[in-house]
Protein backbone atom coordinates (compact mmCIF):
# COMPACT_ATOMS: atom_id res chain seq x y z
CA UNK A 1 106.17 174.27 157.26
CA UNK A 2 105.54 172.66 153.89
CA UNK A 3 105.05 175.45 151.29
CA UNK A 4 104.00 174.94 147.66
CA UNK A 5 103.45 177.78 145.17
CA UNK A 6 100.96 177.88 142.33
CA UNK A 7 101.10 180.57 139.66
CA UNK A 8 98.38 181.37 137.13
CA UNK A 9 99.04 183.50 134.08
CA UNK A 10 95.46 184.19 132.96
CA UNK A 11 94.13 186.57 130.32
CA UNK A 12 94.01 189.53 132.63
CA UNK A 13 96.45 188.89 135.44
CA UNK A 14 99.25 186.85 137.01
CA UNK A 15 98.17 185.32 140.35
CA UNK A 16 99.94 183.48 143.10
CA UNK A 17 98.57 181.03 145.66
CA UNK A 18 100.80 179.67 148.36
CA UNK A 19 99.68 176.78 150.47
CA UNK A 20 101.05 175.11 153.61
CA UNK A 21 100.34 171.46 152.89
CA UNK A 22 101.04 170.34 156.43
CA UNK A 23 98.47 172.80 157.85
CA UNK A 24 96.08 172.32 154.87
CA UNK A 25 95.85 176.11 154.52
CA UNK A 26 96.14 178.76 151.88
CA UNK A 27 98.61 181.10 153.51
CA UNK A 28 99.07 183.74 150.82
CA UNK A 29 97.31 184.97 147.67
CA UNK A 30 98.25 187.85 145.38
CA UNK A 31 97.30 188.99 141.90
CA UNK A 32 98.73 191.52 139.45
CA UNK A 33 96.27 192.95 136.93
CA UNK A 34 98.17 193.45 133.66
CA UNK A 35 96.38 196.65 132.65
CA UNK A 36 96.93 198.20 136.07
CA UNK A 37 100.49 197.13 136.83
CA UNK A 38 101.95 197.25 133.32
CA UNK A 39 100.14 200.14 131.51
CA UNK A 40 103.15 200.64 129.22
CA UNK A 41 102.04 197.59 127.17
CA UNK A 42 98.74 199.36 126.30
CA UNK A 43 96.53 196.33 126.84
CA UNK A 44 92.84 196.34 127.58
CA UNK A 45 91.70 193.40 129.68
CA UNK A 46 95.12 191.86 129.06
CA UNK A 47 95.07 191.96 125.27
CA UNK A 48 96.02 194.37 122.49
CA UNK A 49 93.68 196.25 120.21
CA UNK A 50 94.39 195.17 116.61
CA UNK A 51 93.23 196.52 113.23
CA UNK A 52 91.24 193.38 112.64
CA UNK A 53 88.73 192.81 115.50
CA UNK A 54 88.97 189.06 114.98
CA UNK A 55 92.69 189.16 115.85
CA UNK A 56 93.42 189.15 119.58
CA UNK A 57 97.08 189.08 120.74
CA UNK A 58 98.97 189.85 123.92
CA UNK A 59 102.63 190.91 124.41
CA UNK A 60 104.69 188.00 125.81
CA UNK A 61 107.12 190.49 127.40
CA UNK A 62 104.29 191.60 129.70
CA UNK A 63 104.08 188.03 131.06
CA UNK A 64 107.88 187.99 131.48
CA UNK A 65 107.81 191.24 133.45
CA UNK A 66 104.90 190.11 135.59
CA UNK A 67 106.88 187.06 136.75
CA UNK A 68 109.58 189.27 138.08
CA UNK A 69 107.00 191.54 139.70
CA UNK A 70 105.09 188.76 141.47
CA UNK A 71 108.31 187.46 143.04
CA UNK A 72 109.19 191.04 144.03
CA UNK A 73 105.73 191.39 145.59
CA UNK A 74 106.15 188.11 147.56
CA UNK A 75 109.49 189.43 148.83
CA UNK A 76 107.93 192.78 149.82
CA UNK A 77 105.10 190.91 151.58
CA UNK A 78 107.73 189.00 153.66
CA UNK A 79 107.04 185.59 152.16
CA UNK A 80 109.88 183.17 152.95
CA UNK A 81 110.57 182.27 149.33
CA UNK A 82 113.47 180.10 150.45
CA UNK A 83 110.98 177.76 152.15
CA UNK A 84 109.02 176.97 149.01
CA UNK A 85 109.54 173.31 148.11
CA UNK A 86 108.02 173.26 144.63
CA UNK A 87 106.34 175.53 142.16
CA UNK A 88 103.53 174.61 139.79
CA UNK A 89 101.82 176.82 137.26
CA UNK A 90 99.05 177.30 134.79
CA UNK A 91 98.19 179.69 131.97
CA UNK A 92 95.32 180.61 129.65
CA UNK A 93 94.94 177.76 127.13
CA UNK A 94 95.71 177.73 123.42
CA UNK A 95 97.93 180.85 123.27
CA UNK A 96 101.35 180.44 121.58
CA UNK A 97 104.75 182.09 122.03
CA UNK A 98 107.30 182.07 119.16
CA UNK A 99 111.00 181.93 120.12
CA UNK A 100 114.25 182.39 118.22
CA UNK A 101 117.20 179.96 118.52
CA UNK A 102 118.91 182.27 120.99
CA UNK A 103 116.08 181.83 123.54
CA UNK A 104 117.46 178.61 125.08
CA UNK A 105 120.88 180.25 125.61
CA UNK A 106 119.33 183.40 127.04
CA UNK A 107 117.30 181.38 129.57
CA UNK A 108 120.39 179.57 130.80
CA UNK A 109 122.39 182.80 131.15
CA UNK A 110 119.92 184.99 133.05
CA UNK A 111 121.67 187.68 135.10
CA UNK A 112 120.02 188.64 138.38
CA UNK A 113 121.31 192.20 138.08
CA UNK A 114 119.25 192.59 134.83
CA UNK A 115 115.48 192.23 134.77
CA UNK A 116 113.86 189.33 132.95
CA UNK A 117 112.29 191.74 130.55
CA UNK A 118 115.62 193.33 129.56
CA UNK A 119 117.38 190.04 129.33
CA UNK A 120 114.76 188.37 127.11
CA UNK A 121 113.31 191.12 124.92
CA UNK A 122 115.33 189.89 121.89
CA UNK A 123 114.27 186.21 122.00
CA UNK A 124 110.93 186.45 120.16
CA UNK A 125 110.51 185.72 116.45
CA UNK A 126 106.97 187.14 116.79
CA UNK A 127 106.57 190.15 119.11
CA UNK A 128 102.95 189.36 120.04
CA UNK A 129 101.22 186.09 120.99
CA UNK A 130 97.81 185.05 119.67
CA UNK A 131 95.56 184.14 122.59
CA UNK A 132 92.35 182.16 123.06
CA UNK A 133 90.12 185.07 122.14
CA UNK A 134 91.47 185.22 118.59
CA UNK A 135 88.93 183.99 115.99
CA UNK A 136 90.76 184.95 112.79
CA UNK A 137 91.68 181.47 111.55
CA UNK A 138 88.49 180.08 110.02
CA UNK A 139 90.25 179.52 106.69
CA UNK A 140 93.12 177.69 108.29
CA UNK A 141 90.81 175.46 110.30
CA UNK A 142 89.10 174.35 107.07
CA UNK A 143 92.43 173.82 105.34
CA UNK A 144 93.70 171.58 108.10
CA UNK A 145 90.49 169.51 108.20
CA UNK A 146 90.55 169.13 104.39
CA UNK A 147 94.08 167.80 104.46
CA UNK A 148 93.21 165.02 106.92
CA UNK A 149 92.04 161.55 105.96
CA UNK A 150 90.17 161.01 109.25
CA UNK A 151 88.05 162.98 111.65
CA UNK A 152 90.15 165.35 113.74
CA UNK A 153 87.79 164.74 116.69
CA UNK A 154 88.85 161.08 116.78
CA UNK A 155 92.47 162.05 117.02
CA UNK A 156 92.40 165.03 119.39
CA UNK A 157 89.15 164.70 121.25
CA UNK A 158 87.88 168.04 119.92
CA UNK A 159 86.91 169.61 116.65
CA UNK A 160 89.30 172.29 115.39
CA UNK A 161 88.45 175.84 116.56
CA UNK A 162 89.89 179.18 115.49
CA UNK A 163 91.46 179.85 118.89
CA UNK A 164 93.33 176.51 118.97
CA UNK A 165 97.07 176.62 118.51
CA UNK A 166 97.35 174.57 115.30
CA UNK A 167 95.42 176.94 113.03
CA UNK A 168 97.16 179.90 114.63
CA UNK A 169 100.54 178.34 113.72
CA UNK A 170 99.38 177.73 110.15
CA UNK A 171 98.23 181.35 109.76
CA UNK A 172 101.59 182.59 111.06
CA UNK A 173 103.41 180.43 108.51
CA UNK A 174 101.23 181.60 105.65
CA UNK A 175 101.40 185.31 106.48
CA UNK A 176 104.92 185.60 107.93
CA UNK A 177 106.85 182.74 106.32
CA UNK A 178 110.29 184.31 106.98
CA UNK A 179 109.55 184.81 110.71
CA UNK A 180 108.17 181.28 110.87
CA UNK A 181 111.41 179.78 109.56
CA UNK A 182 113.37 181.93 112.07
CA UNK A 183 111.28 180.39 114.87
CA UNK A 184 113.22 177.70 116.71
CA UNK A 185 110.54 176.86 119.33
CA UNK A 186 106.79 177.33 119.49
CA UNK A 187 105.71 177.26 123.13
CA UNK A 188 102.34 177.40 124.72
CA UNK A 189 101.99 180.27 127.21
CA UNK A 190 102.13 177.59 129.99
CA UNK A 191 105.33 176.04 128.82
CA UNK A 192 106.90 179.41 128.10
CA UNK A 193 106.29 180.53 131.72
CA UNK A 194 107.66 177.26 133.06
CA UNK A 195 110.76 177.86 130.89
CA UNK A 196 111.35 181.20 132.63
CA UNK A 197 111.30 179.52 136.04
CA UNK A 198 113.39 176.51 135.05
CA UNK A 199 115.95 178.47 132.96
CA UNK A 200 115.50 176.15 130.00
CA UNK A 201 112.94 175.25 127.30
CA UNK A 202 110.21 173.44 129.14
CA UNK A 203 107.98 170.61 127.79
CA UNK A 204 104.22 171.02 127.16
CA UNK A 205 102.06 168.94 129.53
CA UNK A 206 99.53 166.47 128.19
CA UNK A 207 96.58 168.45 129.51
CA UNK A 208 97.41 171.76 127.84
CA UNK A 209 98.76 169.97 124.80
CA UNK A 210 95.35 168.36 124.23
CA UNK A 211 93.94 171.84 123.34
CA UNK A 212 96.29 172.53 120.40
CA UNK A 213 94.69 170.41 117.63
CA UNK A 214 98.14 168.76 117.23
CA UNK A 215 98.19 165.92 119.81
CA UNK A 216 96.78 162.44 119.68
CA UNK A 217 94.84 162.52 122.96
CA UNK A 218 94.88 158.78 123.43
CA UNK A 219 98.53 158.13 122.49
CA UNK A 220 99.68 161.35 124.12
CA UNK A 221 101.99 162.07 121.21
CA UNK A 222 102.22 164.72 118.48
CA UNK A 223 100.15 163.39 115.52
CA UNK A 224 102.18 163.37 112.29
CA UNK A 225 99.17 163.87 110.03
CA UNK A 226 98.10 166.98 111.97
CA UNK A 227 101.64 168.35 112.04
CA UNK A 228 101.98 167.94 108.28
CA UNK A 229 98.58 169.53 107.68
CA UNK A 230 99.47 172.55 109.81
CA UNK A 231 102.94 173.81 108.78
CA UNK A 232 106.30 172.52 107.49
CA UNK A 233 108.99 171.30 109.90
CA UNK A 234 106.58 171.80 112.83
CA UNK A 235 107.68 168.87 114.94
CA UNK A 236 111.22 170.31 115.11
CA UNK A 237 109.79 173.54 116.54
CA UNK A 238 107.57 172.01 119.22
CA UNK A 239 108.80 171.16 122.73
CA UNK A 240 108.51 167.58 123.94
CA UNK A 241 105.31 166.43 125.66
CA UNK A 242 105.36 165.42 129.31
CA UNK A 243 102.89 164.11 131.92
CA UNK A 244 101.14 166.76 133.97
CA UNK A 245 102.78 167.28 137.40
CA UNK A 246 106.19 166.20 136.17
CA UNK A 247 109.20 167.82 137.84
CA UNK A 248 111.30 169.38 135.07
CA UNK A 249 114.16 170.58 137.16
CA UNK A 250 115.23 173.01 139.89
CA UNK A 251 114.51 176.67 139.91
CA UNK A 252 116.77 178.93 137.80
CA UNK A 253 119.67 180.52 139.64
CA UNK A 254 118.20 183.87 138.60
CA UNK A 255 115.44 183.49 141.22
CA UNK A 256 117.89 182.04 143.77
CA UNK A 257 120.28 185.01 143.52
CA UNK A 258 117.59 187.74 143.14
CA UNK A 259 114.78 186.58 145.44
CA UNK A 260 116.54 184.10 147.77
CA UNK A 261 114.70 181.07 146.39
CA UNK A 262 115.98 177.71 147.55
CA UNK A 263 118.27 176.23 144.84
CA UNK A 264 116.60 172.86 145.43
CA UNK A 265 113.07 174.20 144.81
CA UNK A 266 111.46 171.94 142.19
CA UNK A 267 109.81 173.41 139.13
CA UNK A 268 106.97 171.44 137.51
CA UNK A 269 105.66 171.45 133.97
CA UNK A 270 102.83 174.03 133.76
CA UNK A 271 99.37 173.19 132.57
CA UNK A 272 96.28 174.98 131.17
CA UNK A 273 93.98 177.06 133.39
CA UNK A 274 90.93 174.88 132.96
CA UNK A 275 92.75 171.59 133.73
CA UNK A 276 94.35 173.26 136.76
CA UNK A 277 91.02 174.66 137.88
CA UNK A 278 89.61 171.17 137.89
CA UNK A 279 92.21 170.18 140.49
CA UNK A 280 91.65 173.41 142.48
CA UNK A 281 87.95 172.55 142.56
CA UNK A 282 88.65 169.01 143.82
CA UNK A 283 87.43 167.29 140.65
CA UNK A 284 89.52 164.16 140.90
CA UNK A 285 86.65 161.65 140.37
CA UNK A 286 83.42 161.36 138.41
CA UNK A 287 80.10 162.79 139.66
CA UNK A 288 81.06 166.42 140.21
CA UNK A 289 80.85 169.24 137.69
CA UNK A 290 82.15 172.76 137.74
CA UNK A 291 80.75 175.95 136.15
CA UNK A 292 83.10 178.83 135.84
CA UNK A 293 81.36 182.16 135.37
CA UNK A 294 84.18 184.28 134.03
CA UNK A 295 85.15 186.22 130.93
CA UNK A 296 83.99 183.14 129.17
CA UNK A 297 81.64 180.67 130.89
CA UNK A 298 82.81 177.08 131.02
CA UNK A 299 81.26 173.78 132.08
CA UNK A 300 83.61 170.93 132.79
CA UNK A 301 83.82 167.65 134.63
CA UNK A 302 85.88 164.38 134.87
CA UNK A 303 85.54 161.11 132.95
CA UNK A 304 87.47 157.90 133.17
CA UNK A 305 86.81 156.82 129.62
CA UNK A 306 87.40 158.45 126.22
CA UNK A 307 84.12 159.95 125.04
CA UNK A 308 83.68 162.66 122.45
CA UNK A 309 80.87 165.03 121.50
CA UNK A 310 79.40 163.82 118.22
CA UNK A 311 78.39 167.35 117.29
CA UNK A 312 81.91 168.59 117.79
CA UNK A 313 80.88 171.51 120.02
CA UNK A 314 82.40 170.28 123.24
CA UNK A 315 85.98 169.48 123.96
CA UNK A 316 87.70 166.52 125.48
CA UNK A 317 90.93 167.49 127.13
CA UNK A 318 93.17 165.53 129.49
CA UNK A 319 93.12 166.29 133.18
CA UNK A 320 96.26 166.50 135.33
CA UNK A 321 94.99 163.36 137.07
CA UNK A 322 95.34 161.39 133.83
CA UNK A 323 91.58 161.16 133.32
CA UNK A 324 89.60 162.89 130.61
CA UNK A 325 88.15 166.36 131.08
CA UNK A 326 85.05 167.18 129.00
CA UNK A 327 84.64 170.94 128.63
CA UNK A 328 82.18 173.34 127.03
CA UNK A 329 83.22 176.90 126.53
CA UNK A 330 80.90 179.91 125.89
CA UNK A 331 82.12 183.23 124.52
CA UNK A 332 79.01 185.04 125.90
CA UNK A 333 79.70 184.72 129.60
CA UNK A 334 80.31 187.76 131.69
CA UNK A 335 80.61 189.65 128.45
CA UNK A 336 76.89 189.16 127.82
CA UNK A 337 75.93 189.84 131.45
CA UNK A 338 77.85 193.10 131.35
CA UNK A 339 76.37 194.17 127.96
CA UNK A 340 72.81 193.50 129.19
CA UNK A 341 73.50 195.50 132.37
CA UNK A 342 74.83 198.40 130.31
CA UNK A 343 71.93 198.14 127.84
CA UNK A 344 69.44 198.85 130.57
CA UNK A 345 71.72 201.21 132.52
CA UNK A 346 71.54 199.06 135.64
CA UNK A 347 73.91 198.70 138.55
CA UNK A 348 74.62 195.11 139.52
CA UNK A 349 72.32 195.50 142.55
CA UNK A 350 69.57 196.72 140.24
CA UNK A 351 70.13 193.78 137.90
CA UNK A 352 69.78 191.43 140.86
CA UNK A 353 66.54 193.11 141.89
CA UNK A 354 65.30 192.68 138.33
CA UNK A 355 66.15 189.01 138.39
CA UNK A 356 64.03 188.52 141.51
CA UNK A 357 61.03 190.30 139.99
CA UNK A 358 60.62 187.70 137.19
CA UNK A 359 59.27 184.26 138.09
CA UNK A 360 61.02 180.90 137.74
CA UNK A 361 60.69 179.93 134.08
CA UNK A 362 60.08 183.62 133.13
CA UNK A 363 56.54 182.85 131.92
CA UNK A 364 58.06 180.99 128.96
CA UNK A 365 60.07 184.01 127.70
CA UNK A 366 63.39 182.94 126.16
CA UNK A 367 66.49 184.78 124.93
CA UNK A 368 69.40 183.52 122.83
CA UNK A 369 72.09 185.99 124.02
CA UNK A 370 74.54 186.02 121.15
CA UNK A 371 75.97 189.51 121.93
CA UNK A 372 79.15 188.15 120.32
CA UNK A 373 79.61 185.23 117.85
CA UNK A 374 79.16 182.13 119.93
CA UNK A 375 81.26 178.95 120.27
CA UNK A 376 78.49 176.67 121.59
CA UNK A 377 76.43 176.39 119.55
CA UNK A 378 78.47 177.71 116.61
CA UNK A 379 76.92 181.05 115.71
CA UNK A 380 79.01 183.32 113.46
CA UNK A 381 76.76 186.42 113.56
CA UNK A 382 76.21 188.34 116.80
CA UNK A 383 72.55 189.00 117.44
CA UNK A 384 70.31 188.81 120.49
CA UNK A 385 67.16 186.74 119.70
CA UNK A 386 64.01 187.08 121.81
CA UNK A 387 60.99 184.72 121.88
CA UNK A 388 57.80 185.82 123.65
CA UNK A 389 59.98 188.47 125.22
CA UNK A 390 59.43 192.27 125.08
CA UNK A 391 62.71 194.17 124.94
CA UNK A 392 61.27 196.84 127.26
CA UNK A 393 60.54 194.32 130.04
CA UNK A 394 63.75 194.70 132.01
CA UNK A 395 63.15 191.97 134.67
CA UNK A 396 62.13 189.42 132.06
CA UNK A 397 65.18 190.21 129.93
CA UNK A 398 67.56 189.96 132.87
CA UNK A 399 66.08 186.56 133.85
CA UNK A 400 66.01 185.35 130.30
CA UNK A 401 69.71 185.94 129.91
CA UNK A 402 70.76 183.93 133.03
CA UNK A 403 68.22 181.16 132.30
CA UNK A 404 69.52 180.90 128.71
CA UNK A 405 73.10 180.55 129.85
CA UNK A 406 72.20 177.73 132.27
CA UNK A 407 69.78 176.01 129.86
CA UNK A 408 72.40 176.05 127.12
CA UNK A 409 74.90 174.34 129.39
CA UNK A 410 72.38 171.64 130.27
CA UNK A 411 71.44 171.09 126.63
CA UNK A 412 74.97 171.04 125.30
CA UNK A 413 76.44 168.83 128.05
CA UNK A 414 74.05 165.90 127.34
CA UNK A 415 76.76 164.18 125.29
CA UNK A 416 78.86 163.66 128.38
CA UNK A 417 76.28 161.20 129.79
CA UNK A 418 77.23 162.08 133.35
CA UNK A 419 74.97 161.82 136.33
CA UNK A 420 75.78 165.12 138.00
CA UNK A 421 75.47 164.97 141.78
CA UNK A 422 76.81 168.39 142.61
CA UNK A 423 78.10 171.53 140.91
CA UNK A 424 80.96 173.73 142.11
CA UNK A 425 80.54 177.38 140.96
CA UNK A 426 83.50 179.60 140.54
CA UNK A 427 84.43 182.87 138.85
CA UNK A 428 83.26 186.44 139.49
CA UNK A 429 79.53 185.87 139.04
CA UNK A 430 79.53 182.83 141.39
CA UNK A 431 79.19 185.31 144.29
CA UNK A 432 75.69 186.08 143.03
CA UNK A 433 73.22 183.95 145.02
CA UNK A 434 70.40 184.55 142.51
CA UNK A 435 72.46 183.24 139.63
CA UNK A 436 73.43 180.21 141.66
CA UNK A 437 69.76 179.56 142.51
CA UNK A 438 68.88 179.56 138.78
CA UNK A 439 71.82 177.18 138.21
CA UNK A 440 70.58 174.76 140.92
CA UNK A 441 67.01 174.92 139.58
CA UNK A 442 67.97 174.23 135.92
CA UNK A 443 70.38 171.39 136.76
CA UNK A 444 68.33 170.01 139.66
CA UNK A 445 71.28 169.42 141.89
CA UNK A 446 73.01 171.29 144.76
CA UNK A 447 75.43 174.06 143.88
CA UNK A 448 78.43 174.95 146.06
CA UNK A 449 80.52 178.10 145.99
CA UNK A 450 84.26 177.67 146.17
CA UNK A 451 86.32 179.17 148.96
CA UNK A 452 89.24 180.36 146.77
CA UNK A 453 88.81 182.85 143.95
CA UNK A 454 92.06 181.63 142.45
CA UNK A 455 91.13 178.00 141.64
CA UNK A 456 93.64 177.63 138.77
CA UNK A 457 96.51 178.85 140.96
CA UNK A 458 95.33 176.65 143.82
CA UNK A 459 95.24 173.68 141.40
CA UNK A 460 98.79 174.51 140.31
CA UNK A 461 100.01 174.45 143.94
CA UNK A 462 98.31 171.08 144.52
CA UNK A 463 99.91 169.73 141.34
CA UNK A 464 103.22 170.88 142.82
CA UNK A 465 102.48 168.79 145.90
CA UNK A 466 101.55 165.76 143.92
CA UNK A 467 104.53 166.08 141.55
CA UNK A 468 107.07 166.54 144.24
CA UNK A 469 105.79 163.41 146.08
CA UNK A 470 106.10 161.43 142.86
CA UNK A 471 109.59 162.85 142.21
CA UNK A 472 110.71 161.74 145.64
CA UNK A 473 109.28 158.23 145.09
CA UNK A 474 106.52 158.66 147.68
CA UNK A 475 102.97 157.50 147.08
CA UNK A 476 100.09 159.95 147.50
CA UNK A 477 96.54 159.77 146.02
CA UNK A 478 94.75 162.72 144.52
CA UNK A 479 92.15 162.47 147.28
CA UNK A 480 94.92 162.85 149.85
CA UNK A 481 96.46 165.74 147.87
CA UNK A 482 93.28 167.87 147.77
CA UNK A 483 91.90 166.96 151.20
CA UNK A 484 91.08 170.03 153.29
CA UNK A 485 92.19 172.49 150.58
CA UNK A 486 89.29 172.32 148.05
CA UNK A 487 86.31 172.32 150.37
CA UNK A 488 83.46 174.65 149.42
CA UNK A 489 82.50 177.79 151.44
CA UNK A 490 80.76 176.60 154.63
CA UNK A 491 76.97 176.70 154.37
CA UNK A 492 77.23 177.90 150.75
CA UNK A 493 75.03 175.12 149.32
CA UNK A 494 72.17 176.24 147.15
CA UNK A 495 69.45 173.57 146.67
CA UNK A 496 66.86 173.40 143.88
CA UNK A 497 63.60 175.21 144.47
CA UNK A 498 60.57 172.99 145.05
CA UNK A 499 58.58 172.85 141.85
CA UNK A 500 61.33 174.17 139.60
CA UNK A 501 61.99 170.77 137.99
CA UNK A 502 58.68 170.64 136.17
CA UNK A 503 58.94 174.24 135.02
CA UNK A 504 62.40 173.84 133.53
CA UNK A 505 61.58 170.46 131.98
CA UNK A 506 59.08 172.36 129.82
CA UNK A 507 61.21 175.44 129.24
CA UNK A 508 64.19 173.42 128.06
CA UNK A 509 62.12 171.97 125.21
CA UNK A 510 61.15 175.45 124.09
CA UNK A 511 64.78 176.56 124.38
CA UNK A 512 66.04 173.71 122.21
CA UNK A 513 63.34 174.37 119.61
CA UNK A 514 64.15 178.06 119.35
CA UNK A 515 67.86 177.40 119.20
CA UNK A 516 67.46 174.94 116.36
CA UNK A 517 65.27 177.43 114.55
CA UNK A 518 68.02 180.13 114.68
CA UNK A 519 70.72 177.65 113.66
CA UNK A 520 68.73 176.61 110.63
CA UNK A 521 68.23 180.21 109.58
CA UNK A 522 71.94 180.90 109.94
């Protein structure tokens, strides 16, 4: 038995995936929905309702309590926690947690007779944590860019976005200067969760650190010009940076005494959910892309060489493998699909039936589905635009939405210059065969559905395998690490429909033309 645990602290839940590396099997999966299990925090979909709709925060104590609860659940489910060799983890990207000086001491002195929540409730200099859905920092983004002498994209691999950690820190300093100066450590959600497991302040890994607008992505160091442009004394407040998959120590005695964890269980630095998902999807070499159809839709792949989006829409992060990970993120993912379904009072089955009634290419009808302000392309005003599309035609509108989401990904991923041989689809909507068929037709390559619904947690467990091998001085390749554990669902391949290539080659021209028209008007 060779057990490795991966934990994923996402927007809406904390999930666990346990693998037996010798058997090449996932032996246990569990997930705790924050709204359901911890209603006393009053979250909706994992976040808090704020007075300003652009502000989106979550309570860090909720994540603390969920870590206790997931270990309790594993114990109740008769998992031999003492047999776990190493634990990796991942969390929603960009979110930040603000800790007082006493936090380090509190982590060291955790008492197993007292819950994590009760032991740590006084360590926060800021009671809530801004998360990736927050878009309230437009002013701070501009201030940081104006203070720099060179393009931020050349330093970090990405333009600066409202949800990124840097502008969030700047806003905190401007609005709550006293609390900022009382802050001893600013952690990412990933490094904060790793700190709980290790019983000490954990480093930030390169992959998650590359999404903060603070790190030089090529040097893998905090960039002094960005730190100075963001907030005073910032470097003193940031944890160190570390390679992904690095062992940072052994598990805290709290988990040993309370849940019978092995005192020699290794804890790894945690990463971001998208970088970890890339491992869970087996993306350890070029040629494969992934599309995650979740709360937000994302398109990501792997590159060996540094290559940035000249328009600044896409991101370039680091992958746990050490390669680069181009990524495009859309706000109008499942959010738009759900709003369209509700608009026409459809069940999901009825929406699928409507999708099938409209032909491939939708007779040239196009929608730009900006139900919410969009990230790619940058659209600040929410409005649904229709071209040659009657709002009363339900099948055409349903098809127009899905085609628009896929066409946009194809258009806005051109900068990557990648010959895509296959796509792995994941996320809730990846179970929908009709959506996957549209994906295959637009991209003109086979689409596979993944076997695990917890790709980020699976990726974290595989990083735990890789990291422990390195720690022990043993050689293992990434191909050996993922073998047998990231294979797609058997017979799940969806191939392009004959004749769809010509149809979408024409439709994509119209789509680009209409998109440019709306961007000029805005």
